[in-house]
């Protein structure tokens, strides 16, 4: 989809194969053994389906230390250790074993022809962009459309990488009194389809500016900010070994879930974990993760003369095909900082967007309780109309985080109309 913006060197590097080292569990696997390597990364977990769940039972599953991966109807797909699975069964949950995560990663990597080689996506998934390739795309966009596009950084990741942000606007060098909209992607490392979603937005609103009057009107009347890779360290780590690792968090010590680290109702309500080994570890304190802290600082900086300029926001994730809105920390529709009228607006806009892409619209806590999330902070602190999109696929296990690159164009274009709705709503 974006091949015109890749250099010959990038294409040559992308053709190389990958390898998957051990890391998360601290166990070494032979670097030339693509079958043994995933075992250390997976930590002995397995995927199960659990029928007849609701928000409260899914929250209970997460609080056990297991992780809900996706939900179809009332059936949840979860990842759990043997001990967590036994605990849940003792609590009355009817877990049905599907596949251990080691085997799932092995099959996925073999299917995508992953093998020892350079740090990039597997040969069968070259449509995805690495961190370096994302920066090349942004640099080329600025070179091609410098009158409407400007690249900067929201700050540094834990390992010292820039977190790039692209601004698109009709008078891009000026800070004008126009509604601003923020799109953020790839908070969770293994959710690479979301980076492609942000690149789709970038290319659509720059390449289409000269030929599409509707796009020109939006660009000339909005300031659009796009952060394609909030968690560059984690994203790089997930693929740098040559095979997919299934890595979710940032790379700070054992990793922090950046989407449980925001300073709004942080750790309040059993919607995150205080265990550093957990996939939903909330960190040592609010904004202890540099990635969440830097993005929050950028949003804070958009307060001009006492008024927040960013009016609307989507944080893209995978997967389950959902449109989610605040609050996540409580199952109440309205709570402190959210009136019925404001809640109704979230429902109206979320439902309208979901009609265009076929996703299921719901309050975040209808999935399960989360605390310290980006949406709750965006709304709770700044009154930004903030949504999460859980993208394709609608269901699955570990493989759901790694859809083949053949679906990138279809699944990113699928959200064009929803993006347009949010851009419109920002001016309401």
Protein backbone atom coordinates (compact mmCIF):
# COMPACT_ATOMS: atom_id res chain seq x y z
CA UNK A 1 0.00 0.00 0.00
CA UNK A 2 2.84 2.37 0.88
CA UNK A 3 5.56 0.78 -1.27
CA UNK A 4 6.14 4.02 -3.17
CA UNK A 5 7.55 5.51 0.01
CA UNK A 6 10.11 2.83 0.71
CA UNK A 7 13.70 3.18 -0.39
CA UNK A 8 15.54 0.43 -2.22
CA UNK A 9 17.61 -0.17 0.89
CA UNK A 10 14.51 -0.62 3.00
CA UNK A 11 13.03 -3.07 0.55
CA UNK A 12 16.24 -5.05 0.48
CA UNK A 13 16.36 -5.17 4.27
CA UNK A 14 12.73 -6.12 4.47
CA UNK A 15 13.37 -9.15 2.29
CA UNK A 16 15.58 -10.66 4.96
CA UNK A 17 14.34 -13.29 7.39
CA UNK A 18 13.71 -12.93 11.13
CA UNK A 19 14.56 -14.75 14.30
CA UNK A 20 12.91 -15.03 17.67
CA UNK A 21 15.07 -14.95 20.81
CA UNK A 22 13.98 -15.63 24.31
CA UNK A 23 13.44 -12.78 26.70
CA UNK A 24 10.39 -12.31 28.81
CA UNK A 25 10.90 -15.32 31.07
CA UNK A 26 14.66 -14.80 31.21
CA UNK A 27 15.39 -18.17 29.55
CA UNK A 28 17.75 -18.52 26.61
CA UNK A 29 16.81 -20.44 23.49
CA UNK A 30 19.19 -21.40 20.73
CA UNK A 31 19.32 -18.44 18.35
CA UNK A 32 19.25 -20.72 15.32
CA UNK A 33 16.30 -22.80 16.50
CA UNK A 34 13.01 -21.22 15.35
CA UNK A 35 11.02 -23.99 17.01
CA UNK A 36 12.57 -23.79 20.46
CA UNK A 37 12.78 -20.01 20.61
CA UNK A 38 9.14 -19.08 21.30
CA UNK A 39 8.98 -21.28 24.41
CA UNK A 40 10.95 -18.89 26.58
CA UNK A 41 8.88 -15.95 25.44
CA UNK A 42 5.49 -17.50 26.14
CA UNK A 43 6.11 -18.40 29.76
CA UNK A 44 4.03 -21.60 29.73
CA UNK A 45 0.67 -19.96 29.05
CA UNK A 46 -2.15 -21.38 26.96
CA UNK A 47 -5.22 -20.07 25.18
CA UNK A 48 -8.69 -21.06 26.40
CA UNK A 49 -12.23 -20.17 25.50
CA UNK A 50 -14.69 -19.38 28.27
CA UNK A 51 -18.44 -19.41 27.48
CA UNK A 52 -21.20 -17.36 29.09
CA UNK A 53 -19.13 -14.40 30.26
CA UNK A 54 -20.17 -10.83 30.93
CA UNK A 55 -18.29 -7.70 31.94
CA UNK A 56 -18.07 -8.67 35.59
CA UNK A 57 -16.88 -12.21 34.95
CA UNK A 58 -14.34 -11.01 32.40
CA UNK A 59 -13.06 -8.50 34.93
CA UNK A 60 -12.74 -11.36 37.42
CA UNK A 61 -10.76 -13.35 34.84
CA UNK A 62 -8.35 -10.45 34.36
CA UNK A 63 -7.99 -9.98 38.11
CA UNK A 64 -6.83 -13.60 38.41
CA UNK A 65 -3.78 -12.68 36.36
CA UNK A 66 -5.11 -14.25 33.18
CA UNK A 67 -5.81 -11.98 30.22
CA UNK A 68 -8.91 -11.66 28.09
CA UNK A 69 -7.72 -11.55 24.49
CA UNK A 70 -11.04 -11.19 22.67
CA UNK A 71 -14.77 -11.60 23.12
CA UNK A 72 -17.31 -12.95 20.64
CA UNK A 73 -20.83 -12.70 21.92
CA UNK A 74 -20.52 -13.97 25.47
CA UNK A 75 -17.55 -16.26 24.76
CA UNK A 76 -14.18 -14.93 25.87
CA UNK A 77 -10.84 -16.11 24.55
CA UNK A 78 -8.22 -15.83 27.28
CA UNK A 79 -4.55 -16.50 27.93
CA UNK A 80 -3.64 -18.12 31.25
CA UNK A 81 -0.95 -20.08 33.03
CA UNK A 82 -1.85 -23.57 34.29
CA UNK A 83 -2.17 -22.17 37.81
CA UNK A 84 -4.48 -19.37 36.69
CA UNK A 85 -6.56 -21.81 34.67
CA UNK A 86 -6.92 -24.08 37.70
CA UNK A 87 -7.93 -21.13 39.87
CA UNK A 88 -10.57 -20.04 37.37
CA UNK A 89 -11.96 -23.55 37.03
CA UNK A 90 -12.15 -23.79 40.81
CA UNK A 91 -14.11 -20.54 40.72
CA UNK A 92 -16.69 -22.04 38.38
CA UNK A 93 -15.41 -20.95 34.97
CA UNK A 94 -15.73 -23.58 32.23
CA UNK A 95 -12.37 -23.18 30.49
CA UNK A 96 -11.95 -25.06 27.23
CA UNK A 97 -8.31 -25.47 26.24
CA UNK A 98 -7.43 -24.45 22.70
CA UNK A 99 -3.66 -24.32 22.27
CA UNK A 100 -0.57 -23.52 24.28
CA UNK A 101 0.95 -20.19 23.34
CA UNK A 102 4.32 -21.72 22.47
CA UNK A 103 2.70 -23.87 19.80
CA UNK A 104 0.54 -21.01 18.58
CA UNK A 105 3.60 -18.79 18.08
CA UNK A 106 5.53 -21.61 16.45
CA UNK A 107 2.74 -22.29 13.97
CA UNK A 108 2.30 -18.59 13.24
CA UNK A 109 5.98 -18.04 12.63
CA UNK A 110 6.32 -21.12 10.44
CA UNK A 111 3.26 -20.04 8.46
CA UNK A 112 4.80 -16.61 7.82
CA UNK A 113 8.17 -18.20 6.88
CA UNK A 114 9.92 -16.56 9.82
CA UNK A 115 13.47 -17.77 10.34
CA UNK A 116 16.87 -16.45 11.50
CA UNK A 117 17.81 -13.20 9.77
CA UNK A 118 17.59 -9.43 10.14
CA UNK A 119 15.34 -7.39 12.39
CA UNK A 120 12.18 -6.94 10.38
CA UNK A 121 8.80 -8.56 9.83
CA UNK A 122 8.67 -12.12 8.47
CA UNK A 123 8.96 -12.52 4.69
CA UNK A 124 5.23 -13.11 4.32
CA UNK A 125 4.39 -9.93 6.27
CA UNK A 126 6.54 -7.34 4.51
CA UNK A 127 3.54 -5.04 4.12
CA UNK A 128 3.99 -4.02 7.76
CA UNK A 129 6.32 -1.14 8.65
CA UNK A 130 9.16 -1.26 11.14
CA UNK A 131 10.07 1.76 13.25
CA UNK A 132 12.74 2.86 10.80
CA UNK A 133 10.35 2.43 7.88
CA UNK A 134 7.67 4.48 9.65
CA UNK A 135 10.15 7.32 10.01
CA UNK A 136 11.07 7.00 6.34
CA UNK A 137 7.40 7.24 5.40
CA UNK A 138 6.93 10.36 7.54
CA UNK A 139 10.05 11.99 6.14
CA UNK A 140 8.87 11.30 2.59
CA UNK A 141 5.41 12.69 3.36
CA UNK A 142 7.01 15.92 4.55
CA UNK A 143 9.24 16.02 1.47
CA UNK A 144 6.23 15.53 -0.81
CA UNK A 145 3.73 17.68 1.10
CA UNK A 146 5.74 20.16 3.16
CA UNK A 147 3.02 22.77 2.85
CA UNK A 148 0.55 20.64 4.81
CA UNK A 149 2.69 18.14 6.77
CA UNK A 150 5.30 18.60 9.51
CA UNK A 151 7.11 15.95 11.55
CA UNK A 152 8.22 16.32 15.13
CA UNK A 153 8.47 14.17 18.27
CA UNK A 154 6.31 13.94 21.36
CA UNK A 155 9.38 12.85 23.33
CA UNK A 156 11.63 9.86 24.00
CA UNK A 157 10.78 6.24 24.75
CA UNK A 158 12.35 4.32 27.63
CA UNK A 159 15.21 3.21 25.37
CA UNK A 160 15.70 6.72 24.03
CA UNK A 161 13.91 6.56 20.68
CA UNK A 162 11.91 9.47 19.38
CA UNK A 163 8.14 8.94 19.39
CA UNK A 164 7.32 10.62 16.05
CA UNK A 165 4.22 12.70 15.48
CA UNK A 166 3.01 14.15 12.18
CA UNK A 167 0.89 17.28 11.97
CA UNK A 168 -1.37 17.76 8.95
CA UNK A 169 -3.04 21.11 8.38
CA UNK A 170 -3.61 23.62 5.60
CA UNK A 171 -1.20 26.09 7.17
CA UNK A 172 0.96 23.57 8.93
CA UNK A 173 3.69 25.94 10.15
CA UNK A 174 1.18 28.04 12.07
CA UNK A 175 -0.65 27.21 15.30
CA UNK A 176 -4.10 28.28 14.19
CA UNK A 177 -7.34 28.51 16.12
CA UNK A 178 -8.76 25.35 14.53
CA UNK A 179 -10.19 22.21 16.16
CA UNK A 180 -7.47 19.62 16.65
CA UNK A 181 -7.82 15.85 16.42
CA UNK A 182 -5.33 13.24 17.66
CA UNK A 183 -4.89 9.70 16.37
CA UNK A 184 -2.55 7.40 18.31
CA UNK A 185 -1.47 3.86 17.46
CA UNK A 186 0.64 0.97 18.75
CA UNK A 187 0.51 1.55 22.52
CA UNK A 188 0.65 -2.23 22.73
CA UNK A 189 3.71 -3.59 20.96
CA UNK A 190 2.25 -6.60 19.14
CA UNK A 191 -0.67 -4.63 17.67
CA UNK A 192 1.14 -3.75 14.46
CA UNK A 193 -1.99 -3.35 12.35
CA UNK A 194 -2.66 -0.14 14.27
CA UNK A 195 0.55 1.46 12.99
CA UNK A 196 -0.71 0.78 9.48
CA UNK A 197 -3.98 2.47 10.46
CA UNK A 198 -2.15 5.66 11.40
CA UNK A 199 -0.14 5.50 8.18
CA UNK A 200 -3.38 5.12 6.24
CA UNK A 201 -4.71 8.33 7.82
CA UNK A 202 -1.46 10.14 7.00
CA UNK A 203 -1.33 9.06 3.39
CA UNK A 204 -5.02 9.63 2.77
CA UNK A 205 -5.04 13.21 4.02
CA UNK A 206 -1.77 14.20 2.33
CA UNK A 207 -1.96 12.36 -1.00
CA UNK A 208 -5.63 13.24 -1.38
CA UNK A 209 -5.32 16.92 -0.52
CA UNK A 210 -4.78 18.20 -4.05
CA UNK A 211 -7.44 16.06 -5.74
CA UNK A 212 -10.23 15.43 -3.21
CA UNK A 213 -12.25 18.55 -2.23
CA UNK A 214 -13.66 16.84 0.88
CA UNK A 215 -10.18 16.02 2.16
CA UNK A 216 -8.94 19.52 1.36
CA UNK A 217 -11.81 21.03 3.32
CA UNK A 218 -10.97 18.92 6.38
CA UNK A 219 -7.25 19.62 6.22
CA UNK A 220 -7.83 23.35 5.78
CA UNK A 221 -10.18 23.54 8.78
CA UNK A 222 -8.49 21.16 11.27
CA UNK A 223 -5.13 20.47 12.80
CA UNK A 224 -4.63 16.70 12.66
CA UNK A 225 -1.98 15.00 14.80
CA UNK A 226 -0.96 11.37 14.16
CA UNK A 227 1.34 9.28 16.38
CA UNK A 228 1.90 6.00 14.49
CA UNK A 229 4.04 4.23 17.12
CA UNK A 230 3.51 5.25 20.75
CA UNK A 231 5.56 2.27 21.97
CA UNK A 232 8.50 1.99 19.55
CA UNK A 233 10.72 -0.04 21.90
CA UNK A 234 8.11 -2.73 22.37
CA UNK A 235 7.15 -2.80 18.72
CA UNK A 236 10.78 -3.24 17.66
CA UNK A 237 11.36 -5.92 20.30
CA UNK A 238 8.35 -7.91 19.14
CA UNK A 239 9.86 -8.47 15.69
CA UNK A 240 13.59 -7.80 15.96
CA UNK A 241 14.46 -11.44 16.71
CA UNK A 242 13.12 -12.76 13.44
CA UNK A 243 9.88 -14.21 14.74
CA UNK A 244 6.84 -12.77 16.47
CA UNK A 245 7.21 -12.80 20.23
CA UNK A 246 3.70 -11.89 21.38
CA UNK A 247 5.13 -8.93 23.35
CA UNK A 248 2.57 -6.39 24.65
CA UNK A 249 4.22 -3.94 27.06
CA UNK A 250 6.99 -1.36 26.83
CA UNK A 251 10.62 -2.33 27.52
CA UNK A 252 11.01 -0.71 30.93
CA UNK A 253 12.41 -3.40 33.23
CA UNK A 254 9.91 -6.28 32.88
CA UNK A 255 7.60 -3.99 30.93
CA UNK A 256 4.72 -1.68 31.80
CA UNK A 257 1.33 -1.73 30.13
CA UNK A 258 1.28 1.88 28.97
CA UNK A 259 -2.51 1.77 28.70
CA UNK A 260 -2.82 1.15 32.44
CA UNK A 261 -0.29 3.85 33.34
CA UNK A 262 -2.28 7.04 32.71
CA UNK A 263 -2.91 9.36 35.65
CA UNK A 264 -6.66 9.09 35.89
CA UNK A 265 -8.11 6.60 38.39
CA UNK A 266 -4.74 4.83 38.21
CA UNK A 267 -4.89 1.48 39.97
CA UNK A 268 -8.22 2.38 41.53
CA UNK A 269 -10.58 -0.37 40.68
CA UNK A 270 -9.05 -3.75 39.91
CA UNK A 271 -8.66 -2.90 36.24
CA UNK A 272 -4.88 -3.33 36.17
CA UNK A 273 -2.20 -5.30 37.98
CA UNK A 274 0.46 -4.41 40.52
CA UNK A 275 2.45 -7.51 39.53
CA UNK A 276 5.37 -6.59 37.24
CA UNK A 277 5.04 -9.96 35.48
CA UNK A 278 1.43 -9.25 34.49
CA UNK A 279 0.51 -8.18 30.97
CA UNK A 280 -1.57 -5.39 32.53
CA UNK A 281 1.10 -4.17 34.97
CA UNK A 282 0.27 -0.54 35.70
CA UNK A 283 3.80 0.55 36.62
CA UNK A 284 5.22 1.91 39.84
CA UNK A 285 3.26 5.18 39.66
CA UNK A 286 1.06 7.10 37.24
CA UNK A 287 3.09 8.05 34.18
CA UNK A 288 6.08 6.00 35.32
CA UNK A 289 6.30 4.80 31.71
CA UNK A 290 8.00 7.42 29.52
CA UNK A 291 5.75 6.62 26.56
CA UNK A 292 2.49 7.43 28.36
CA UNK A 293 4.09 10.38 30.12
CA UNK A 294 5.46 11.90 26.92
CA UNK A 295 2.20 11.54 25.01
CA UNK A 296 0.31 13.05 27.95
CA UNK A 297 2.79 15.93 28.02
CA UNK A 298 2.14 16.55 24.35
CA UNK A 299 -1.62 16.64 24.96
CA UNK A 300 -1.11 18.98 27.93
CA UNK A 301 0.93 21.26 25.66
CA UNK A 302 -2.08 21.72 23.41
CA UNK A 303 -3.81 23.77 26.10
CA UNK A 304 -3.62 27.29 24.68
CA UNK A 305 -4.89 30.28 26.66
CA UNK A 306 -6.53 27.88 29.09
CA UNK A 307 -8.42 25.89 26.43
CA UNK A 308 -7.57 22.40 25.19
CA UNK A 309 -7.23 22.55 21.41
CA UNK A 310 -7.52 18.79 20.88
CA UNK A 311 -11.24 18.10 20.70
CA UNK A 312 -11.35 14.44 19.67
CA UNK A 313 -9.11 11.37 19.75
CA UNK A 314 -8.96 7.73 18.68
CA UNK A 315 -6.46 5.28 20.18
CA UNK A 316 -6.23 2.28 17.85
CA UNK A 317 -5.74 -1.25 19.20
CA UNK A 318 -6.27 -4.84 18.11
CA UNK A 319 -8.41 -6.80 18.28
CA UNK A 320 -12.17 -7.62 18.58
CA UNK A 321 -13.75 -5.03 16.25
CA UNK A 322 -15.09 -2.70 18.92
CA UNK A 323 -15.68 1.03 19.33
CA UNK A 324 -15.15 1.86 23.02
CA UNK A 325 -15.67 5.05 25.03
CA UNK A 326 -15.14 6.13 28.68
CA UNK A 327 -15.33 5.30 31.38
CA UNK A 328 -13.39 2.09 31.76
CA UNK A 329 -12.81 2.29 35.49
CA UNK A 330 -16.52 2.03 36.42
CA UNK A 331 -19.51 0.22 35.02
CA UNK A 332 -21.68 3.27 35.69
CA UNK A 333 -22.70 5.20 32.59
CA UNK A 334 -22.22 8.52 34.31
CA UNK A 335 -19.73 9.28 37.06
CA UNK A 336 -17.76 12.27 38.28
CA UNK A 337 -16.84 14.32 35.24
CA UNK A 338 -19.40 12.72 32.92
CA UNK A 339 -22.93 14.07 32.65
CA UNK A 340 -25.78 12.21 31.00
CA UNK A 341 -25.66 14.64 28.07
CA UNK A 342 -21.93 14.01 27.62
CA UNK A 343 -22.40 10.26 27.87
CA UNK A 344 -25.18 10.41 25.28
CA UNK A 345 -22.83 12.20 22.91
CA UNK A 346 -20.27 9.41 23.27
CA UNK A 347 -23.00 6.86 22.51
CA UNK A 348 -24.25 8.82 19.50
CA UNK A 349 -20.84 9.36 17.92
CA UNK A 350 -19.55 5.91 18.80
CA UNK A 351 -22.62 4.24 17.36
CA UNK A 352 -22.46 6.35 14.19
CA UNK A 353 -18.82 5.39 13.65
CA UNK A 354 -19.56 1.73 14.31
CA UNK A 355 -22.27 1.71 11.65
CA UNK A 356 -19.63 2.56 9.05
CA UNK A 357 -17.10 -0.14 9.93
CA UNK A 358 -19.28 -2.90 11.35
CA UNK A 359 -17.67 -2.80 14.80
CA UNK A 360 -19.64 -3.23 18.03
CA UNK A 361 -20.09 0.05 19.96
CA UNK A 362 -20.03 -0.02 23.77
CA UNK A 363 -18.70 1.63 26.89
CA UNK A 364 -15.20 0.42 27.68
CA UNK A 365 -16.23 -1.18 30.97
CA UNK A 366 -18.84 -3.27 29.13
CA UNK A 367 -15.85 -5.29 27.93
CA UNK A 368 -14.16 -5.39 31.35
CA UNK A 369 -12.98 -2.89 33.95
CA UNK A 370 -9.77 -1.02 33.13
CA UNK A 371 -8.14 1.72 35.15
CA UNK A 372 -5.36 4.12 34.22
CA UNK A 373 -6.39 4.08 30.54
CA UNK A 374 -5.75 6.71 27.89
CA UNK A 375 -9.45 7.30 27.13
CA UNK A 376 -10.37 7.89 30.76
CA UNK A 377 -7.47 10.35 31.13
CA UNK A 378 -8.22 12.19 27.89
CA UNK A 379 -11.81 12.75 28.93
CA UNK A 380 -11.34 12.99 32.70
CA UNK A 381 -8.60 15.63 32.52
CA UNK A 382 -9.19 17.41 29.22
CA UNK A 383 -12.78 16.64 28.11
CA UNK A 384 -11.43 15.25 24.84
CA UNK A 385 -13.95 13.07 23.02
CA UNK A 386 -11.73 9.99 23.21
CA UNK A 387 -12.44 6.54 21.77
CA UNK A 388 -10.60 3.26 21.46
CA UNK A 389 -10.99 1.24 18.26
CA UNK A 390 -10.25 -2.45 18.60
CA UNK A 391 -9.53 -3.41 15.01
CA UNK A 392 -9.66 -6.65 12.99
CA UNK A 393 -10.11 -9.55 13.60
CA UNK A 394 -13.33 -9.98 15.54
CA UNK A 395 -12.04 -12.99 17.46
CA UNK A 396 -9.02 -15.22 17.91
CA UNK A 397 -6.15 -16.14 20.16
CA UNK A 398 -2.52 -15.04 19.91
CA UNK A 399 -2.82 -15.18 16.11
CA UNK A 400 -5.37 -12.36 16.29
CA UNK A 401 -2.57 -9.89 16.97
CA UNK A 402 -0.83 -10.87 13.76
CA UNK A 403 -3.23 -10.74 10.80
CA UNK A 404 -1.50 -11.30 7.44
CA UNK A 405 -0.37 -8.23 5.60
CA UNK A 406 -2.86 -8.96 2.82
CA UNK A 407 -5.60 -7.46 5.02
CA UNK A 408 -3.85 -4.17 5.77
CA UNK A 409 -5.42 -2.14 2.98
CA UNK A 410 -8.91 -3.53 3.49
CA UNK A 411 -8.93 -3.20 7.27
CA UNK A 412 -7.45 0.30 7.39
CA UNK A 413 -9.70 1.64 4.62
CA UNK A 414 -12.58 0.15 6.58
CA UNK A 415 -12.17 2.99 9.09
CA UNK A 416 -12.07 5.88 6.61
CA UNK A 417 -15.66 6.94 7.20
CA UNK A 418 -15.33 6.63 10.98
CA UNK A 419 -12.24 8.86 10.92
CA UNK A 420 -14.21 11.40 8.87
CA UNK A 421 -17.04 11.35 11.42
CA UNK A 422 -14.65 12.10 14.29
CA UNK A 423 -13.01 14.91 12.34
CA UNK A 424 -16.44 16.40 11.73
CA UNK A 425 -17.48 16.00 15.35
CA UNK A 426 -14.35 17.81 16.53
CA UNK A 427 -15.83 21.00 15.14
CA UNK A 428 -19.24 20.54 16.71
